[in-house]
Amino acid sequence: MRTGITVELSPEDRARLDKVIADRNTPQKHVRRAQIVVLTADGVGTMEIMERTGQSKPTVWRW
């Protein structure tokens, strides 16, 4: 993760994003976005997020 940039999620926000990820009826674009936000908050780097989600670097940076 780049230095000086942090993402903090409240427990409520984390629970809401986890629910979006787990719901099989959620559109995949929303699932991927939620995954990117959660992984970023967990301190996972850009390259690892790209591998886990199958998204491009600009997409990961955007979200």
PDB file of N, CA and C in Angstrom:
ATOM      1  N   MET A   1       0.845  -1.169   0.000  1.00  0.00           N
ATOM      2  CA  MET A   1       0.000   0.000   0.000  1.00  0.00           C
ATOM      3  C   MET A   1       0.893   1.237   0.000  1.00  0.00           C
ATOM      4  N   ARG A   2       0.477   2.253  -0.685  1.00  0.00           N
ATOM      5  CA  ARG A   2       1.262   3.487  -0.729  1.00  0.00           C
ATOM      6  C   ARG A   2       1.328   4.114   0.654  1.00  0.00           C
ATOM      7  N   THR A   3       2.447   4.707   0.952  1.00  0.00           N
ATOM      8  CA  THR A   3       2.597   5.319   2.259  1.00  0.00           C
ATOM      9  C   THR A   3       1.755   6.580   2.346  1.00  0.00           C
ATOM     10  N   GLY A   4       1.221   6.815   3.533  1.00  0.00           N
ATOM     11  CA  GLY A   4       0.442   8.020   3.767  1.00  0.00           C
ATOM     12  C   GLY A   4      -1.016   7.906   3.380  1.00  0.00           C
ATOM     13  N   ILE A   5      -1.416   6.790   2.787  1.00  0.00           N
ATOM     14  CA  ILE A   5      -2.806   6.622   2.383  1.00  0.00           C
ATOM     15  C   ILE A   5      -3.397   5.456   3.176  1.00  0.00           C
ATOM     16  N   THR A   6      -4.455   5.749   3.915  1.00  0.00           N
ATOM     17  CA  THR A   6      -5.120   4.701   4.678  1.00  0.00           C
ATOM     18  C   THR A   6      -6.617   4.776   4.449  1.00  0.00           C
ATOM     19  N   VAL A   7      -7.240   3.638   4.510  1.00  0.00           N
ATOM     20  CA  VAL A   7      -8.690   3.553   4.420  1.00  0.00           C
ATOM     21  C   VAL A   7      -9.159   2.875   5.693  1.00  0.00           C
ATOM     22  N   GLU A   8     -10.040   3.531   6.407  1.00  0.00           N
ATOM     23  CA  GLU A   8     -10.572   2.959   7.634  1.00  0.00           C
ATOM     24  C   GLU A   8     -12.065   2.750   7.466  1.00  0.00           C
ATOM     25  N   LEU A   9     -12.511   1.556   7.824  1.00  0.00           N
ATOM     26  CA  LEU A   9     -13.932   1.227   7.746  1.00  0.00           C
ATOM     27  C   LEU A   9     -14.479   1.052   9.152  1.00  0.00           C
ATOM     28  N   SER A  10     -15.628   1.637   9.393  1.00  0.00           N
ATOM     29  CA  SER A  10     -16.291   1.396  10.673  1.00  0.00           C
ATOM     30  C   SER A  10     -16.816  -0.041  10.658  1.00  0.00           C
ATOM     31  N   PRO A  11     -17.074  -0.609  11.802  1.00  0.00           N
ATOM     32  CA  PRO A  11     -17.629  -1.976  11.831  1.00  0.00           C
ATOM     33  C   PRO A  11     -18.937  -2.092  11.048  1.00  0.00           C
ATOM     34  N   GLU A  12     -19.737  -1.027  11.076  1.00  0.00           N
ATOM     35  CA  GLU A  12     -21.008  -1.049  10.343  1.00  0.00           C
ATOM     36  C   GLU A  12     -20.770  -1.060   8.834  1.00  0.00           C
ATOM     37  N   ASP A  13     -19.815  -0.213   8.386  1.00  0.00           N
ATOM     38  CA  ASP A  13     -19.495  -0.173   6.960  1.00  0.00           C
ATOM     39  C   ASP A  13     -18.912  -1.509   6.507  1.00  0.00           C
ATOM     40  N   ARG A  14     -18.032  -2.076   7.326  1.00  0.00           N
ATOM     41  CA  ARG A  14     -17.415  -3.366   6.996  1.00  0.00           C
ATOM     42  C   ARG A  14     -18.489  -4.449   6.869  1.00  0.00           C
ATOM     43  N   ALA A  15     -19.425  -4.461   7.803  1.00  0.00           N
ATOM     44  CA  ALA A  15     -20.503  -5.454   7.770  1.00  0.00           C
ATOM     45  C   ALA A  15     -21.364  -5.279   6.525  1.00  0.00           C
ATOM     46  N   ARG A  16     -21.645  -4.036   6.168  1.00  0.00           N
ATOM     47  CA  ARG A  16     -22.453  -3.769   4.985  1.00  0.00           C
ATOM     48  C   ARG A  16     -21.738  -4.226   3.714  1.00  0.00           C
ATOM     49  N   LEU A  17     -20.440  -3.943   3.606  1.00  0.00           N
ATOM     50  CA  LEU A  17     -19.672  -4.367   2.431  1.00  0.00           C
ATOM     51  C   LEU A  17     -19.553  -5.893   2.369  1.00  0.00           C
ATOM     52  N   ASP A  18     -19.340  -6.525   3.524  1.00  0.00           N
ATOM     53  CA  ASP A  18     -19.282  -7.996   3.550  1.00  0.00           C
ATOM     54  C   ASP A  18     -20.604  -8.605   3.106  1.00  0.00           C
ATOM     55  N   LYS A  19     -21.698  -7.962   3.467  1.00  0.00           N
ATOM     56  CA  LYS A  19     -23.018  -8.441   3.052  1.00  0.00           C
ATOM     57  C   LYS A  19     -23.196  -8.308   1.533  1.00  0.00           C
ATOM     58  N   VAL A  20     -22.726  -7.205   0.969  1.00  0.00           N
ATOM     59  CA  VAL A  20     -22.787  -7.009  -0.490  1.00  0.00           C
ATOM     60  C   VAL A  20     -21.980  -8.099  -1.193  1.00  0.00           C
ATOM     61  N   ILE A  21     -20.784  -8.382  -0.664  1.00  0.00           N
ATOM     62  CA  ILE A  21     -19.912  -9.389  -1.273  1.00  0.00           C
ATOM     63  C   ILE A  21     -20.544 -10.775  -1.205  1.00  0.00           C
ATOM     64  N   ALA A  22     -21.195 -11.103  -0.092  1.00  0.00           N
ATOM     65  CA  ALA A  22     -21.743 -12.443   0.111  1.00  0.00           C
ATOM     66  C   ALA A  22     -23.071 -12.683  -0.614  1.00  0.00           C
ATOM     67  N   ASP A  23     -23.799 -11.620  -0.930  1.00  0.00           N
ATOM     68  CA  ASP A  23     -25.120 -11.764  -1.552  1.00  0.00           C
ATOM     69  C   ASP A  23     -24.973 -12.195  -3.006  1.00  0.00           C
ATOM     70  N   ARG A  24     -25.503 -13.352  -3.335  1.00  0.00           N
ATOM     71  CA  ARG A  24     -25.369 -13.895  -4.688  1.00  0.00           C
ATOM     72  C   ARG A  24     -26.220 -13.136  -5.712  1.00  0.00           C
ATOM     73  N   ASN A  25     -27.126 -12.292  -5.251  1.00  0.00           N
ATOM     74  CA  ASN A  25     -27.975 -11.530  -6.164  1.00  0.00           C
ATOM     75  C   ASN A  25     -27.439 -10.132  -6.455  1.00  0.00           C
ATOM     76  N   THR A  26     -26.329  -9.782  -5.824  1.00  0.00           N
ATOM     77  CA  THR A  26     -25.720  -8.474  -6.042  1.00  0.00           C
ATOM     78  C   THR A  26     -25.025  -8.471  -7.404  1.00  0.00           C
ATOM     79  N   PRO A  27     -25.212  -7.416  -8.198  1.00  0.00           N
ATOM     80  CA  PRO A  27     -24.478  -7.324  -9.473  1.00  0.00           C
ATOM     81  C   PRO A  27     -22.970  -7.418  -9.240  1.00  0.00           C
ATOM     82  N   GLN A  28     -22.274  -8.128 -10.113  1.00  0.00           N
ATOM     83  CA  GLN A  28     -20.850  -8.374  -9.948  1.00  0.00           C
ATOM     84  C   GLN A  28     -20.025  -7.096  -9.886  1.00  0.00           C
ATOM     85  N   LYS A  29     -20.454  -6.055 -10.585  1.00  0.00           N
ATOM     86  CA  LYS A  29     -19.680  -4.811 -10.529  1.00  0.00           C
ATOM     87  C   LYS A  29     -19.688  -4.237  -9.115  1.00  0.00           C
ATOM     88  N   HIS A  30     -20.772  -4.413  -8.378  1.00  0.00           N
ATOM     89  CA  HIS A  30     -20.836  -3.940  -7.003  1.00  0.00           C
ATOM     90  C   HIS A  30     -20.006  -4.827  -6.078  1.00  0.00           C
ATOM     91  N   VAL A  31     -20.009  -6.126  -6.343  1.00  0.00           N
ATOM     92  CA  VAL A  31     -19.210  -7.056  -5.543  1.00  0.00           C
ATOM     93  C   VAL A  31     -17.736  -6.722  -5.699  1.00  0.00           C
ATOM     94  N   ARG A  32     -17.285  -6.526  -6.924  1.00  0.00           N
ATOM     95  CA  ARG A  32     -15.869  -6.221  -7.154  1.00  0.00           C
ATOM     96  C   ARG A  32     -15.459  -4.911  -6.481  1.00  0.00           C
ATOM     97  N   ARG A  33     -16.319  -3.914  -6.561  1.00  0.00           N
ATOM     98  CA  ARG A  33     -16.012  -2.629  -5.922  1.00  0.00           C
ATOM     99  C   ARG A  33     -15.904  -2.796  -4.412  1.00  0.00           C
ATOM    100  N   ALA A  34     -16.836  -3.523  -3.842  1.00  0.00           N
ATOM    101  CA  ALA A  34     -16.800  -3.761  -2.394  1.00  0.00           C
ATOM    102  C   ALA A  34     -15.548  -4.535  -2.003  1.00  0.00           C
ATOM    103  N   GLN A  35     -15.167  -5.521  -2.808  1.00  0.00           N
ATOM    104  CA  GLN A  35     -13.957  -6.291  -2.521  1.00  0.00           C
ATOM    105  C   GLN A  35     -12.727  -5.388  -2.537  1.00  0.00           C
ATOM    106  N   ILE A  36     -12.655  -4.499  -3.513  1.00  0.00           N
ATOM    107  CA  ILE A  36     -11.512  -3.592  -3.618  1.00  0.00           C
ATOM    108  C   ILE A  36     -11.428  -2.705  -2.373  1.00  0.00           C
ATOM    109  N   VAL A  37     -12.537  -2.166  -1.930  1.00  0.00           N
ATOM    110  CA  VAL A  37     -12.549  -1.292  -0.757  1.00  0.00           C
ATOM    111  C   VAL A  37     -12.141  -2.068   0.492  1.00  0.00           C
ATOM    112  N   VAL A  38     -12.681  -3.266   0.668  1.00  0.00           N
ATOM    113  CA  VAL A  38     -12.362  -4.078   1.850  1.00  0.00           C
ATOM    114  C   VAL A  38     -10.888  -4.474   1.850  1.00  0.00           C
ATOM    115  N   LEU A  39     -10.386  -4.924   0.713  1.00  0.00           N
ATOM    116  CA  LEU A  39      -8.981  -5.322   0.635  1.00  0.00           C
ATOM    117  C   LEU A  39      -8.058  -4.137   0.887  1.00  0.00           C
ATOM    118  N   THR A  40      -8.417  -2.972   0.378  1.00  0.00           N
ATOM    119  CA  THR A  40      -7.618  -1.773   0.620  1.00  0.00           C
ATOM    120  C   THR A  40      -7.600  -1.435   2.108  1.00  0.00           C
ATOM    121  N   ALA A  41      -8.751  -1.523   2.744  1.00  0.00           N
ATOM    122  CA  ALA A  41      -8.826  -1.253   4.184  1.00  0.00           C
ATOM    123  C   ALA A  41      -8.007  -2.260   4.980  1.00  0.00           C
ATOM    124  N   ASP A  42      -7.864  -3.484   4.463  1.00  0.00           N
ATOM    125  CA  ASP A  42      -7.065  -4.513   5.123  1.00  0.00           C
ATOM    126  C   ASP A  42      -5.571  -4.327   4.885  1.00  0.00           C
ATOM    127  N   GLY A  43      -5.197  -3.341   4.066  1.00  0.00           N
ATOM    128  CA  GLY A  43      -3.797  -3.060   3.820  1.00  0.00           C
ATOM    129  C   GLY A  43      -3.174  -3.878   2.703  1.00  0.00           C
ATOM    130  N   VAL A  44      -3.998  -4.518   1.884  1.00  0.00           N
ATOM    131  CA  VAL A  44      -3.497  -5.308   0.762  1.00  0.00           C
ATOM    132  C   VAL A  44      -3.033  -4.350  -0.340  1.00  0.00           C
ATOM    133  N   GLY A  45      -1.930  -4.662  -0.973  1.00  0.00           N
ATOM    134  CA  GLY A  45      -1.372  -3.812  -2.020  1.00  0.00           C
ATOM    135  C   GLY A  45      -2.134  -3.908  -3.332  1.00  0.00           C
ATOM    136  N   THR A  46      -1.863  -2.964  -4.194  1.00  0.00           N
ATOM    137  CA  THR A  46      -2.558  -2.871  -5.482  1.00  0.00           C
ATOM    138  C   THR A  46      -2.399  -4.125  -6.330  1.00  0.00           C
ATOM    139  N   MET A  47      -1.183  -4.636  -6.423  1.00  0.00           N
ATOM    140  CA  MET A  47      -0.955  -5.814  -7.263  1.00  0.00           C
ATOM    141  C   MET A  47      -1.729  -7.029  -6.749  1.00  0.00           C
ATOM    142  N   GLU A  48      -1.758  -7.205  -5.446  1.00  0.00           N
ATOM    143  CA  GLU A  48      -2.483  -8.327  -4.850  1.00  0.00           C
ATOM    144  C   GLU A  48      -3.988  -8.163  -5.069  1.00  0.00           C
ATOM    145  N   ILE A  49      -4.489  -6.934  -4.935  1.00  0.00           N
ATOM    146  CA  ILE A  49      -5.914  -6.682  -5.184  1.00  0.00           C
ATOM    147  C   ILE A  49      -6.253  -6.992  -6.632  1.00  0.00           C
ATOM    148  N   MET A  50      -5.369  -6.607  -7.548  1.00  0.00           N
ATOM    149  CA  MET A  50      -5.589  -6.895  -8.967  1.00  0.00           C
ATOM    150  C   MET A  50      -5.694  -8.401  -9.190  1.00  0.00           C
ATOM    151  N   GLU A  51      -4.808  -9.167  -8.562  1.00  0.00           N
ATOM    152  CA  GLU A  51      -4.827 -10.623  -8.726  1.00  0.00           C
ATOM    153  C   GLU A  51      -6.083 -11.238  -8.130  1.00  0.00           C
ATOM    154  N   ARG A  52      -6.471 -10.798  -6.943  1.00  0.00           N
ATOM    155  CA  ARG A  52      -7.630 -11.381  -6.254  1.00  0.00           C
ATOM    156  C   ARG A  52      -8.952 -11.052  -6.936  1.00  0.00           C
ATOM    157  N   THR A  53      -9.055  -9.836  -7.497  1.00  0.00           N
ATOM    158  CA  THR A  53     -10.333  -9.413  -8.074  1.00  0.00           C
ATOM    159  C   THR A  53     -10.388  -9.533  -9.592  1.00  0.00           C
ATOM    160  N   GLY A  54      -9.227  -9.668 -10.223  1.00  0.00           N
ATOM    161  CA  GLY A  54      -9.207  -9.743 -11.686  1.00  0.00           C
ATOM    162  C   GLY A  54      -9.442  -8.408 -12.359  1.00  0.00           C
ATOM    163  N   GLN A  55      -9.199  -7.328 -11.638  1.00  0.00           N
ATOM    164  CA  GLN A  55      -9.427  -5.990 -12.178  1.00  0.00           C
ATOM    165  C   GLN A  55      -8.101  -5.350 -12.579  1.00  0.00           C
ATOM    166  N   SER A  56      -8.195  -4.339 -13.428  1.00  0.00           N
ATOM    167  CA  SER A  56      -6.998  -3.628 -13.884  1.00  0.00           C
ATOM    168  C   SER A  56      -6.530  -2.642 -12.817  1.00  0.00           C
ATOM    169  N   LYS A  57      -5.300  -2.179 -12.971  1.00  0.00           N
ATOM    170  CA  LYS A  57      -4.733  -1.219 -12.023  1.00  0.00           C
ATOM    171  C   LYS A  57      -5.551   0.077 -11.969  1.00  0.00           C
ATOM    172  N   PRO A  58      -5.946   0.656 -13.114  1.00  0.00           N
ATOM    173  CA  PRO A  58      -6.758   1.877 -13.032  1.00  0.00           C
ATOM    174  C   PRO A  58      -8.084   1.665 -12.288  1.00  0.00           C
ATOM    175  N   THR A  59      -8.673   0.488 -12.444  1.00  0.00           N
ATOM    176  CA  THR A  59      -9.925   0.203 -11.732  1.00  0.00           C
ATOM    177  C   THR A  59      -9.692   0.145 -10.232  1.00  0.00           C
ATOM    178  N   VAL A  60      -8.625  -0.538  -9.824  1.00  0.00           N
ATOM    179  CA  VAL A  60      -8.305  -0.620  -8.395  1.00  0.00           C
ATOM    180  C   VAL A  60      -8.009   0.767  -7.855  1.00  0.00           C
ATOM    181  N   TRP A  61      -7.257   1.569  -8.563  1.00  0.00           N
ATOM    182  CA  TRP A  61      -6.943   2.916  -8.105  1.00  0.00           C
ATOM    183  C   TRP A  61      -8.209   3.766  -8.010  1.00  0.00           C
ATOM    184  N   ARG A  62      -9.114   3.582  -8.941  1.00  0.00           N
ATOM    185  CA  ARG A  62     -10.343   4.375  -8.946  1.00  0.00           C
ATOM    186  C   ARG A  62     -11.162   4.108  -7.703  1.00  0.00           C
ATOM    187  N   TRP A  63     -11.249   2.844  -7.285  1.00  0.00           N
ATOM    188  CA  TRP A  63     -12.097   2.494  -6.147  1.00  0.00           C
ATOM    189  C   TRP A  63     -11.326   2.453  -4.868  1.00  0.00           C
TER     190      TRP A  63
END
